[in-house]
Protein backbone atom coordinates (compact mmCIF):
# COMPACT_ATOMS: atom_id res chain seq x y z
CA MET A 1 39.85 -15.56 -22.63
CA ASN A 2 38.00 -13.32 -19.85
CA GLN A 3 35.84 -15.31 -17.55
CA PRO A 4 32.50 -13.76 -17.02
CA ALA A 5 32.07 -11.51 -13.35
CA PRO A 6 30.30 -13.77 -11.46
CA LEU A 7 26.43 -12.90 -10.54
CA PRO A 8 25.79 -10.78 -7.47
CA HIS A 9 24.66 -13.05 -4.53
CA TYR A 10 22.20 -12.91 -2.18
CA PRO A 11 21.69 -14.57 1.32
CA MET A 12 19.03 -15.37 3.45
CA TYR A 13 17.79 -13.27 6.55
CA ILE A 14 17.12 -15.96 9.29
CA ASP A 15 17.04 -14.97 13.14
CA GLY A 16 19.22 -11.68 12.77
CA ALA A 17 22.05 -13.08 10.29
CA TRP A 18 23.11 -13.79 6.89
CA THR A 19 23.06 -17.06 6.01
CA GLU A 20 23.32 -19.47 2.95
CA GLY A 21 21.48 -22.17 4.76
CA GLU A 22 21.73 -25.76 5.82
CA SER A 23 21.12 -27.01 2.47
CA LYS A 24 23.21 -24.70 0.37
CA LEU A 25 20.68 -24.53 -2.30
CA GLN A 26 20.85 -21.37 -4.63
CA MET A 27 18.87 -19.91 -7.92
CA ASN A 28 19.75 -17.75 -10.43
CA THR A 29 17.01 -15.13 -10.92
CA ILE A 30 16.39 -14.04 -14.81
CA ASN A 31 16.29 -10.43 -15.84
CA PRO A 32 12.84 -10.23 -17.86
CA ALA A 33 14.02 -7.21 -20.10
CA THR A 34 16.98 -9.48 -21.44
CA GLY A 35 15.97 -13.02 -20.56
CA ASN A 36 19.43 -13.15 -19.04
CA PRO A 37 20.56 -14.46 -15.34
CA TRP A 38 21.48 -11.25 -13.93
CA ALA A 39 21.78 -12.67 -9.70
CA SER A 40 22.03 -15.70 -7.66
CA PHE A 41 20.16 -16.01 -4.10
CA ALA A 42 20.08 -18.53 -1.44
CA CYS A 43 17.37 -20.67 -1.08
CA ALA A 44 16.06 -22.40 2.11
CA GLY A 45 15.65 -26.06 2.60
CA THR A 46 12.93 -27.38 5.53
CA PRO A 47 15.85 -27.11 7.96
CA ASP A 48 16.41 -23.50 7.50
CA VAL A 49 12.33 -22.94 7.74
CA GLU A 50 12.55 -24.65 10.94
CA ARG A 51 15.01 -22.82 12.04
CA ALA A 52 13.24 -19.57 10.92
CA VAL A 53 10.10 -20.61 12.19
CA ASN A 54 11.84 -21.33 15.79
CA ALA A 55 13.39 -18.56 15.89
CA ALA A 56 10.10 -16.53 15.28
CA ARG A 57 8.79 -18.20 18.22
CA GLN A 58 11.36 -17.77 20.28
CA ALA A 59 11.05 -14.22 20.13
CA LEU A 60 7.36 -13.77 20.31
CA THR A 61 7.47 -15.42 23.57
CA SER A 62 10.90 -14.22 25.39
CA GLY A 63 13.39 -11.56 25.03
CA GLU A 64 13.18 -8.12 23.94
CA TRP A 65 10.30 -8.34 21.49
CA ALA A 66 7.91 -9.94 23.86
CA SER A 67 8.63 -7.10 26.12
CA MET A 68 8.05 -4.25 24.18
CA THR A 69 5.20 -1.97 24.73
CA ALA A 70 2.84 -1.37 21.98
CA THR A 71 4.77 2.36 21.74
CA GLN A 72 8.07 0.72 21.32
CA ARG A 73 6.90 -1.55 18.62
CA GLY A 74 5.49 1.90 17.02
CA ARG A 75 8.93 3.46 17.19
CA LEU A 76 10.61 0.97 15.48
CA LEU A 77 7.76 0.52 12.50
CA TYR A 78 8.49 4.39 11.93
CA ARG A 79 12.09 3.72 11.90
CA LEU A 80 11.71 1.14 9.17
CA ALA A 81 9.45 3.94 7.27
CA ASP A 82 12.11 5.90 7.02
CA LEU A 83 14.59 3.59 6.04
CA VAL A 84 12.40 2.14 3.20
CA ALA A 85 11.56 5.88 2.25
CA GLU A 86 15.26 6.60 1.89
CA HIS A 87 16.37 3.64 0.03
CA ALA A 88 13.05 3.37 -2.31
CA ALA A 89 14.73 4.44 -5.28
CA HIS A 90 17.15 1.48 -5.08
CA LEU A 91 14.39 -0.87 -3.87
CA GLY A 92 12.60 -0.11 -6.78
CA GLU A 93 15.80 -0.65 -9.37
CA LEU A 94 16.18 -4.15 -8.05
CA GLU A 95 12.40 -5.11 -7.93
CA THR A 96 12.24 -3.66 -11.58
CA THR A 97 15.37 -5.85 -12.74
CA ASP A 98 14.32 -8.62 -11.27
CA SER A 99 10.34 -8.52 -11.81
CA GLY A 100 10.39 -6.32 -15.12
CA LYS A 101 7.96 -3.96 -13.72
CA LEU A 102 8.63 -0.24 -14.55
CA ALA A 103 11.38 1.42 -12.46
CA ALA A 104 8.98 4.55 -12.39
CA GLU A 105 6.37 2.58 -10.50
CA THR A 106 8.53 0.70 -8.35
CA ARG A 107 10.49 3.79 -7.39
CA ALA A 108 7.20 5.25 -6.48
CA GLN A 109 5.29 2.38 -4.73
CA SER A 110 8.22 1.55 -2.68
CA GLY A 111 8.55 5.14 -1.09
CA TYR A 112 4.60 5.32 -1.21
CA VAL A 113 4.85 2.24 1.45
CA ALA A 114 6.69 3.95 3.71
CA ASP A 115 3.20 5.83 4.38
CA TYR A 116 1.86 2.05 5.54
CA TYR A 117 4.19 1.47 7.66
CA ARG A 118 3.49 4.72 9.31
CA TYR A 119 0.17 4.05 9.12
CA PHE A 120 0.68 0.68 10.98
CA ALA A 121 2.88 2.24 13.73
CA GLY A 122 0.09 4.57 14.51
CA LEU A 123 -2.07 2.04 15.20
CA ALA A 124 0.33 0.08 17.18
CA ASP A 125 -0.97 1.31 20.39
CA LYS A 126 -4.57 1.97 19.77
CA VAL A 127 -5.36 -2.31 19.73
CA GLU A 128 -7.68 -1.67 22.80
CA GLY A 129 -9.90 -4.74 24.56
CA ALA A 130 -13.35 -3.53 26.50
CA THR A 131 -15.00 -4.14 29.63
CA LEU A 132 -18.01 -5.68 29.21
CA PRO A 133 -21.42 -4.88 31.18
CA ILE A 134 -21.75 -8.52 32.23
CA ASP A 135 -24.84 -9.88 33.52
CA LYS A 136 -23.57 -11.01 36.80
CA PRO A 137 -23.47 -8.34 39.15
CA ASP A 138 -20.30 -9.95 41.20
CA MET A 139 -18.11 -10.16 38.15
CA HIS A 140 -15.85 -7.82 36.43
CA VAL A 141 -15.00 -9.28 32.86
CA PHE A 142 -13.03 -7.46 30.17
CA THR A 143 -11.23 -8.84 26.91
CA THR A 144 -7.79 -7.60 25.62
CA ARG A 145 -5.98 -8.18 22.22
CA GLU A 146 -2.92 -10.44 22.23
CA PRO A 147 -0.69 -11.32 18.98
CA ILE A 148 -2.15 -14.12 17.20
CA GLY A 149 1.84 -15.45 17.25
CA VAL A 150 4.04 -16.48 14.38
CA VAL A 151 2.87 -15.57 10.96
CA ALA A 152 3.94 -17.18 7.79
CA ALA A 153 3.50 -14.23 5.11
CA VAL A 154 3.96 -15.49 1.67
CA VAL A 155 4.26 -12.71 -1.01
CA PRO A 156 4.44 -12.67 -4.90
CA TRP A 157 7.02 -11.21 -7.23
CA ASN A 158 4.61 -8.42 -8.50
CA ALA A 159 3.89 -5.16 -6.24
CA GLN A 160 6.24 -6.84 -3.73
CA MET A 161 7.25 -4.09 -1.71
CA PHE A 162 3.55 -3.07 -1.55
CA LEU A 163 2.26 -6.33 -0.44
CA THR A 164 5.11 -6.91 1.87
CA ALA A 165 3.73 -3.76 3.86
CA THR A 166 0.23 -4.64 3.84
CA LYS A 167 1.19 -7.85 5.62
CA LEU A 168 4.27 -6.92 7.42
CA GLY A 169 2.91 -3.61 9.12
CA PRO A 170 0.29 -4.88 11.21
CA ALA A 171 1.43 -8.19 11.68
CA LEU A 172 4.26 -6.21 13.68
CA ALA A 173 1.91 -3.51 14.73
CA ALA A 174 0.14 -6.36 16.63
CA GLY A 175 3.18 -7.82 18.16
CA CYS A 176 3.43 -10.90 16.08
CA THR A 177 6.76 -12.26 14.77
CA VAL A 178 6.98 -12.77 10.80
CA VAL A 179 9.05 -15.35 8.24
CA LEU A 180 8.46 -13.65 5.05
CA LYS A 181 8.79 -16.20 1.95
CA ALA A 182 9.45 -13.83 -1.02
CA SER A 183 8.87 -15.45 -4.72
CA GLU A 184 11.53 -17.45 -5.99
CA TRP A 185 11.02 -15.99 -9.20
CA ALA A 186 12.25 -12.65 -8.16
CA PRO A 187 13.40 -12.13 -4.70
CA ILE A 188 16.03 -9.78 -4.46
CA ALA A 189 14.35 -6.71 -3.39
CA MET A 190 13.07 -8.57 -0.42
CA TYR A 191 16.82 -9.60 0.56
CA GLU A 192 17.65 -6.32 0.25
CA PHE A 193 14.66 -5.05 2.11
CA ALA A 194 15.60 -7.56 4.89
CA LYS A 195 18.56 -5.47 5.56
CA LEU A 196 16.56 -2.56 6.31
CA ILE A 197 14.60 -4.38 8.96
CA ASP A 198 18.02 -5.26 10.50
CA ALA A 199 19.08 -1.50 10.30
CA ALA A 200 15.72 -0.61 11.71
CA GLY A 201 16.83 -2.35 15.34
CA PHE A 202 14.12 -5.17 15.32
CA PRO A 203 15.20 -7.74 17.78
CA LYS A 204 16.76 -10.79 15.95
CA GLY A 205 13.81 -13.69 15.20
CA VAL A 206 11.59 -11.17 14.99
CA VAL A 207 11.11 -11.04 10.84
CA SER A 208 13.25 -13.68 8.75
CA VAL A 209 13.33 -13.65 5.00
CA ILE A 210 13.62 -16.46 2.79
CA SER A 211 12.61 -18.01 -0.67
CA GLY A 212 12.55 -21.00 -2.12
CA ASP A 213 10.41 -23.82 -4.01
CA ALA A 214 7.46 -24.91 -3.08
CA GLU A 215 8.70 -28.66 -1.75
CA ASN A 216 11.71 -27.50 0.14
CA CYS A 217 10.22 -23.85 1.65
CA ALA A 218 6.54 -23.27 0.82
CA ILE A 219 5.12 -26.69 2.25
CA PRO A 220 7.33 -27.05 5.28
CA LEU A 221 6.45 -23.15 5.87
CA THR A 222 2.54 -22.90 5.64
CA SER A 223 1.79 -26.24 7.31
CA HIS A 224 4.20 -25.82 10.04
CA PRO A 225 2.76 -26.65 13.73
CA ASP A 226 4.57 -23.32 14.92
CA VAL A 227 2.87 -21.19 12.46
CA ASP A 228 -0.43 -19.66 13.73
CA ARG A 229 -1.54 -17.17 10.76
CA ILE A 230 -0.88 -17.39 7.23
CA ALA A 231 -1.35 -13.68 4.99
CA PHE A 232 -0.79 -15.17 1.36
CA THR A 233 -1.02 -13.28 -1.84
CA GLY A 234 -0.75 -15.45 -5.05
CA GLY A 235 -3.30 -17.24 -7.60
CA PRO A 236 -6.06 -19.46 -6.84
CA GLU A 237 -4.35 -22.85 -7.55
CA THR A 238 -1.45 -22.37 -5.15
CA ALA A 239 -4.30 -20.92 -2.68
CA ARG A 240 -5.53 -24.42 -2.81
CA HIS A 241 -2.44 -26.12 -1.77
CA VAL A 242 -1.85 -23.48 1.00
CA VAL A 243 -5.54 -23.92 2.59
CA ARG A 244 -4.80 -27.86 2.56
CA ASN A 245 -1.81 -27.09 3.95
CA SER A 246 -3.16 -25.10 6.79
CA ALA A 247 -5.21 -27.92 8.12
CA GLU A 248 -1.99 -29.12 9.92
CA ASN A 249 -1.42 -26.58 11.85
CA PHE A 250 -5.12 -25.23 11.92
CA ALA A 251 -3.33 -21.65 10.91
CA VAL A 252 -5.66 -18.43 10.68
CA THR A 253 -5.43 -18.01 6.79
CA THR A 254 -6.52 -15.17 4.44
CA LEU A 255 -5.84 -14.97 0.79
CA GLU A 256 -5.23 -12.33 -1.70
CA LEU A 257 -5.75 -14.10 -5.11
CA GLY A 258 -6.34 -12.84 -8.81
CA GLY A 259 -8.85 -11.37 -10.49
CA LYS A 260 -10.71 -10.90 -14.27
CA SER A 261 -12.56 -7.39 -13.06
CA PRO A 262 -14.66 -5.58 -15.18
CA ILE A 263 -14.59 -2.14 -16.20
CA ILE A 264 -18.16 -0.69 -16.66
CA VAL A 265 -18.45 2.71 -18.91
CA PHE A 266 -21.66 3.96 -19.43
CA ASP A 267 -23.23 6.42 -22.23
CA ASP A 268 -22.79 9.41 -20.12
CA ALA A 269 -19.61 8.76 -19.29
CA ASN A 270 -16.42 11.20 -19.72
CA LEU A 271 -14.77 9.10 -22.57
CA ASP A 272 -11.26 10.23 -22.14
CA SER A 273 -11.38 9.37 -18.38
CA ALA A 274 -12.71 6.32 -19.48
CA ALA A 275 -10.15 5.31 -21.68
CA ASN A 276 -7.39 6.26 -19.82
CA GLY A 277 -9.10 4.42 -16.68
CA MET A 278 -9.13 1.72 -18.87
CA ILE A 279 -5.51 2.07 -20.42
CA ALA A 280 -4.28 1.96 -16.71
CA GLY A 281 -6.32 -1.11 -16.07
CA ASN A 282 -5.09 -3.08 -18.66
CA PHE A 283 -1.35 -2.07 -19.70
CA GLY A 284 -0.51 -0.17 -16.97
CA ALA A 285 2.23 -2.61 -14.93
CA SER A 286 2.36 -4.21 -18.14
CA GLY A 287 -1.06 -5.76 -17.49
CA GLN A 288 0.91 -7.86 -14.14
CA SER A 289 -2.02 -6.79 -11.55
CA CYS A 290 -4.26 -8.80 -9.41
CA VAL A 291 -7.00 -6.02 -9.99
CA ALA A 292 -6.35 -5.73 -13.86
CA GLY A 293 -9.33 -4.64 -15.54
CA THR A 294 -8.98 -6.89 -18.19
CA ARG A 295 -13.13 -7.41 -18.78
CA ALA A 296 -14.48 -4.00 -20.35
CA PHE A 297 -17.77 -3.46 -20.82
CA VAL A 298 -19.14 -0.65 -22.78
CA HIS A 299 -22.01 0.69 -23.84
CA ALA A 300 -23.22 0.23 -27.72
CA SER A 301 -23.59 3.48 -28.30
CA VAL A 302 -20.07 4.52 -27.13
CA LYS A 303 -18.19 1.72 -28.14
CA ASP A 304 -16.64 2.85 -31.29
CA GLU A 305 -15.74 5.93 -30.01
CA ILE A 306 -13.98 4.22 -27.18
CA VAL A 307 -12.14 1.81 -29.27
CA ALA A 308 -10.98 4.60 -31.41
CA ARG A 309 -9.63 6.62 -28.26
CA ILE A 310 -7.62 3.77 -26.80
CA THR A 311 -6.33 3.07 -29.99
CA GLU A 312 -5.37 6.16 -30.70
CA LYS A 313 -3.61 6.27 -27.24
CA SER A 314 -2.17 3.05 -27.47
CA LYS A 315 -0.08 4.19 -30.67
CA SER A 316 2.25 6.57 -28.09
CA ILE A 317 2.92 3.68 -25.89
CA VAL A 318 6.80 2.66 -25.53
CA ILE A 319 7.64 -0.58 -25.18
CA GLY A 320 10.83 -1.30 -23.98
CA ASP A 321 13.83 -0.97 -21.15
CA PRO A 322 11.52 -1.01 -17.79
CA LEU A 323 14.15 1.23 -16.24
CA ASP A 324 14.22 4.16 -18.69
CA ALA A 325 11.33 6.56 -17.46
CA ALA A 326 10.02 6.96 -20.98
CA THR A 327 8.91 3.82 -21.08
CA HIS A 328 4.95 2.87 -20.36
CA VAL A 329 5.04 -1.39 -21.07
CA GLY A 330 8.11 -3.56 -19.99
CA PRO A 331 8.88 -7.37 -20.01
CA LEU A 332 6.67 -9.82 -18.51
CA CYS A 333 8.28 -11.78 -15.46
CA THR A 334 8.06 -14.80 -17.17
CA SER A 335 8.20 -16.40 -20.18
CA ALA A 336 5.23 -18.43 -19.74
CA GLN A 337 2.79 -15.41 -19.17
CA ILE A 338 3.52 -14.82 -23.12
CA ASP A 339 2.66 -18.58 -23.71
CA THR A 340 -0.58 -18.21 -21.79
CA ILE A 341 -1.23 -15.19 -23.58
CA GLU A 342 -1.14 -16.21 -27.33
CA SER A 343 -3.10 -19.61 -26.54
CA THR A 344 -5.65 -17.78 -25.12
CA LEU A 345 -5.80 -15.23 -27.94
CA ARG A 346 -5.47 -18.12 -30.68
CA GLN A 347 -8.61 -19.62 -28.60
CA ALA A 348 -10.41 -16.39 -28.62
CA GLN A 349 -10.22 -15.91 -32.48
CA SER A 350 -11.49 -19.24 -32.95
CA GLN A 351 -14.53 -18.27 -30.92
CA GLY A 352 -15.03 -15.27 -33.06
CA ALA A 353 -13.25 -12.46 -31.39
CA GLU A 354 -11.14 -9.97 -33.35
CA ILE A 355 -7.53 -8.25 -32.23
CA VAL A 356 -8.24 -4.86 -32.56
CA PHE A 357 -4.33 -4.08 -31.85
CA GLY A 358 -1.23 -5.57 -30.71
CA GLY A 359 -1.65 -9.50 -30.33
CA ARG A 360 1.82 -10.30 -30.61
CA ARG A 361 5.54 -10.13 -29.32
CA PRO A 362 7.09 -6.91 -30.11
CA ASP A 363 9.96 -7.29 -32.60
CA ASP A 364 13.72 -5.70 -31.94
CA SER A 365 12.95 -2.36 -33.90
CA GLN A 366 9.85 -1.72 -31.13
CA LEU A 367 11.79 -1.91 -28.21
CA SER A 368 12.97 1.04 -26.59
CA GLY A 369 16.48 1.29 -25.09
CA LYS A 370 19.09 -1.21 -23.58
CA GLN A 371 19.76 -2.23 -20.27
CA ALA A 372 22.89 -0.92 -18.15
CA GLY A 373 25.89 -2.76 -19.42
CA GLY A 374 24.54 -2.86 -23.16
CA ASP A 375 22.70 -6.06 -22.85
CA PRO A 376 20.10 -6.25 -26.00
CA LEU A 377 16.21 -6.48 -25.36
CA VAL A 378 15.50 -8.69 -28.06
CA GLY A 379 15.28 -12.05 -25.50
CA GLY A 380 13.00 -10.40 -23.30
CA HIS A 381 9.60 -11.29 -22.36
CA PHE A 382 7.83 -8.75 -23.98
CA PHE A 383 4.31 -8.28 -25.35
CA GLU A 384 2.60 -5.57 -27.34
CA PRO A 385 -0.51 -4.12 -25.62
CA THR A 386 -3.32 -5.75 -27.05
CA LEU A 387 -7.14 -5.03 -27.35
CA VAL A 388 -9.58 -7.70 -28.24
CA ASP A 389 -13.04 -6.97 -29.83
CA CYS A 390 -15.35 -9.84 -28.06
CA PRO A 391 -19.17 -10.80 -29.11
CA ASP A 392 -20.01 -12.04 -25.66
CA THR A 393 -18.92 -13.30 -22.46
CA THR A 394 -17.95 -16.69 -23.15
CA ILE A 395 -14.51 -16.05 -24.97
CA ALA A 396 -11.91 -17.31 -23.83
CA THR A 397 -10.09 -13.59 -23.06
CA GLN A 398 -12.95 -12.66 -21.20
CA LYS A 399 -12.56 -15.59 -18.52
CA ILE A 400 -8.53 -16.15 -18.41
CA GLU A 401 -6.33 -14.86 -16.40
CA MET A 402 -3.33 -13.89 -18.37
CA PHE A 403 -1.53 -11.97 -16.47
CA GLY A 404 -0.37 -9.08 -19.65
CA PRO A 405 -1.44 -6.24 -21.40
CA VAL A 406 -4.44 -7.63 -23.11
CA MET A 407 -8.28 -5.92 -22.80
CA SER A 408 -10.89 -7.30 -24.03
CA ILE A 409 -14.43 -5.41 -24.59
CA VAL A 410 -18.05 -6.37 -24.95
CA THR A 411 -20.93 -4.11 -25.44
CA PHE A 412 -24.04 -3.85 -23.27
CA GLU A 413 -27.30 -2.28 -23.79
CA ASN A 414 -28.76 -1.37 -20.61
CA GLU A 415 -27.54 -1.44 -16.88
CA GLU A 416 -28.70 -4.58 -15.84
CA GLN A 417 -27.42 -6.35 -18.52
CA ALA A 418 -23.82 -4.48 -17.90
CA ILE A 419 -24.08 -5.72 -14.07
CA GLU A 420 -25.13 -9.18 -15.25
CA MET A 421 -22.05 -9.60 -17.43
CA ALA A 422 -19.89 -8.09 -14.95
CA ASN A 423 -20.76 -10.50 -12.39
CA ASP A 424 -20.51 -13.55 -14.85
CA THR A 425 -17.06 -14.60 -13.36
CA VAL A 426 -15.53 -16.65 -10.29
CA PHE A 427 -13.72 -13.97 -9.24
CA GLY A 428 -14.67 -10.71 -7.14
CA LEU A 429 -11.61 -8.16 -6.80
CA GLY A 430 -11.66 -5.28 -8.41
CA SER A 431 -13.95 -3.37 -10.65
CA GLY A 432 -14.56 0.17 -12.17
CA ILE A 433 -17.65 2.30 -12.97
CA PHE A 434 -17.10 5.42 -15.45
CA THR A 435 -20.24 7.50 -15.46
CA GLN A 436 -21.53 10.97 -14.66
CA ASN A 437 -24.61 9.53 -12.90
CA LEU A 438 -24.14 9.48 -9.13
CA ALA A 439 -27.29 7.55 -8.38
CA ARG A 440 -26.59 5.20 -10.94
CA ALA A 441 -22.82 4.91 -9.52
CA HIS A 442 -23.99 3.84 -6.45
CA ARG A 443 -26.70 1.67 -7.56
CA VAL A 444 -24.39 -0.26 -9.96
CA SER A 445 -21.54 -0.29 -7.51
CA LYS A 446 -23.69 -1.78 -4.51
CA GLN A 447 -24.70 -4.86 -7.14
CA LEU A 448 -21.39 -5.31 -8.16
CA ARG A 449 -19.55 -9.10 -6.61
CA ALA A 450 -16.44 -7.10 -5.53
CA GLY A 451 -14.45 -6.22 -2.93
CA ILE A 452 -13.13 -2.99 -4.48
CA CYS A 453 -14.95 -0.56 -6.54
CA TRP A 454 -13.47 2.50 -8.17
CA ILE A 455 -15.73 4.95 -9.71
CA ASN A 456 -14.32 7.24 -12.18
CA THR A 457 -10.86 6.18 -12.01
CA TYR A 458 -8.92 3.25 -11.08
CA ARG A 459 -6.20 1.31 -10.04
CA ALA A 460 -6.11 3.79 -6.58
CA ILE A 461 -4.41 2.77 -3.22
CA SER A 462 -4.02 3.63 0.27
CA PRO A 463 -2.88 2.35 3.87
CA ILE A 464 -6.38 3.37 4.89
CA ALA A 465 -8.44 1.77 2.43
CA PRO A 466 -8.99 -2.23 2.87
CA PHE A 467 -8.27 -4.01 0.20
CA GLY A 468 -9.47 -7.56 -0.94
CA GLY A 469 -11.97 -9.89 -2.72
CA PHE A 470 -14.78 -12.22 -2.70
CA ASN A 471 -15.45 -15.54 -4.23
CA GLN A 472 -12.08 -17.10 -6.00
CA SER A 473 -10.55 -13.61 -5.48
CA GLY A 474 -9.77 -14.86 -1.59
CA TYR A 475 -10.98 -13.64 1.35
CA GLY A 476 -9.69 -11.46 4.42
CA ARG A 477 -8.61 -7.61 3.78
CA GLU A 478 -5.34 -6.29 3.97
CA ALA A 479 -4.71 -2.32 5.10
CA GLY A 480 -7.25 -0.20 6.96
CA HIS A 481 -7.06 -0.09 10.65
CA GLU A 482 -9.09 -3.36 11.17
CA SER A 483 -6.28 -5.25 9.45
CA VAL A 484 -4.09 -5.04 12.62
CA LEU A 485 -7.26 -6.86 14.55
CA ASP A 486 -6.61 -9.61 12.43
CA TYR A 487 -3.26 -10.21 13.55
CA THR A 488 -4.69 -10.38 17.22
CA ARG A 489 -6.77 -13.05 19.32
CA THR A 490 -9.20 -11.97 21.88
CA ARG A 491 -8.50 -12.91 25.89
CA THR A 492 -11.62 -12.70 27.90
CA THR A 493 -10.79 -12.26 31.75
CA TRP A 494 -13.36 -13.08 34.39
CA ILE A 495 -12.78 -11.55 37.92
CA ASN A 496 -14.79 -12.58 40.93
CA TYR A 497 -14.91 -9.72 43.19
CA SER A 498 -17.44 -11.36 45.69
CA ASP A 499 -16.18 -11.92 49.58
CA GLU A 500 -18.90 -15.17 49.57
CA PRO A 501 -17.72 -18.34 48.87
CA MET A 502 -18.38 -20.03 45.32
CA ALA A 503 -22.22 -21.49 44.83
CA ASN A 504 -22.60 -24.61 43.90
CA PRO A 505 -19.69 -25.93 41.84
CA PHE A 506 -21.54 -28.69 39.57
CA THR A 507 -24.18 -25.55 38.28
CA ILE A 508 -22.72 -23.40 35.49
CA ARG A 509 -23.16 -19.89 36.42
């Protein structure tokens, strides 16, 4: 009897070398489209974390990276950008196979993040200090910005190429060194990305790529005494642990967390545009997006029309193989997400909500295509795009982040009510407004407690635009020119150019 072929295996990248790690820990990763293991990868234990951080510290303080000019660092980032663009299709396919996100999106996003590295490459030698107009006539005082130090960058499984670029790009531009911790749920694209870091010519130790569970990898990394900065993207509960861990090293920490973003549709909106925006904000990426606009607030006068348009558009949504370009909604990364969705929908129905369409796992006849090699999709982590009509904002689907293709609608009567309901959340990441009234758009967006507001569009990104939230959606910003400064610290230098001896040493000047 023929033995099954061994799974492809991916080692870690530590201190410029490929390694299985001292602990020899391994895990399998699951293809969400089939529910079957498809690859194995090396996992870090505490000794491996120690080696990665020590290598980062060594590269930061001595050797080639420490002596590079900012312009030279920028050239390496430009080289990395070109390599990412060249290998975008392959990186995207690996990410899709590992996480279930649509290949059409992962390929395009991998290609687009090359522009993030180019953007930060251009900023590398634009980090400037200042000469201060000091109030002491015999002093010359100036500031310089230096790398903050060793960075622990913790990236989740969704949109990992994008979320890596928003951390790695500014950190390297600033001259930091980075230990990148990929999610143990889907790390393969990150291990493949490490090959490009190596090929770009970054000195050893500048970037290491590891993965593993909380106890053996994440906790030792985020609490390590030689880590100076933590950049974390993930869920609020994990973030609380990260903040507690940072108490051990007093690392500067930024958190980009989840959300229950509101989309407000006023009665004067272009309803086709609004319906498309709501679909993009909820069913795009199969709802597995931190900015998903899962709380829709629609003016009562246009509610029936919006529901009708979304219902009609949903009939043509193709659920199936995420590697197939014809697919609109692929599988969810984990089966636990489906369990959360189903329990939340049951709770919402008990509270008086109605499911307009969807609300269940699709059967085999509804799934389009098969994975390469012929593996059936029936064992995959699929869930139908779902629309829930809610009587008010207390309904479970309005409160719980499900990370799946579920949208819930509540009606409003006036602008004040819409703003009040939109702000009725512990989160504050994204928001959307659909209206043709420019004054209203400005007025309402100013009152929404969210770090991002899209008007007459949704789910757009750029390396030029800061990204981040308020409240339990985290703190700090990624992307934009100021993000490079977040990976620096300021040094102040005082020069006394007087020939006179210092005055009374027991009095502060």
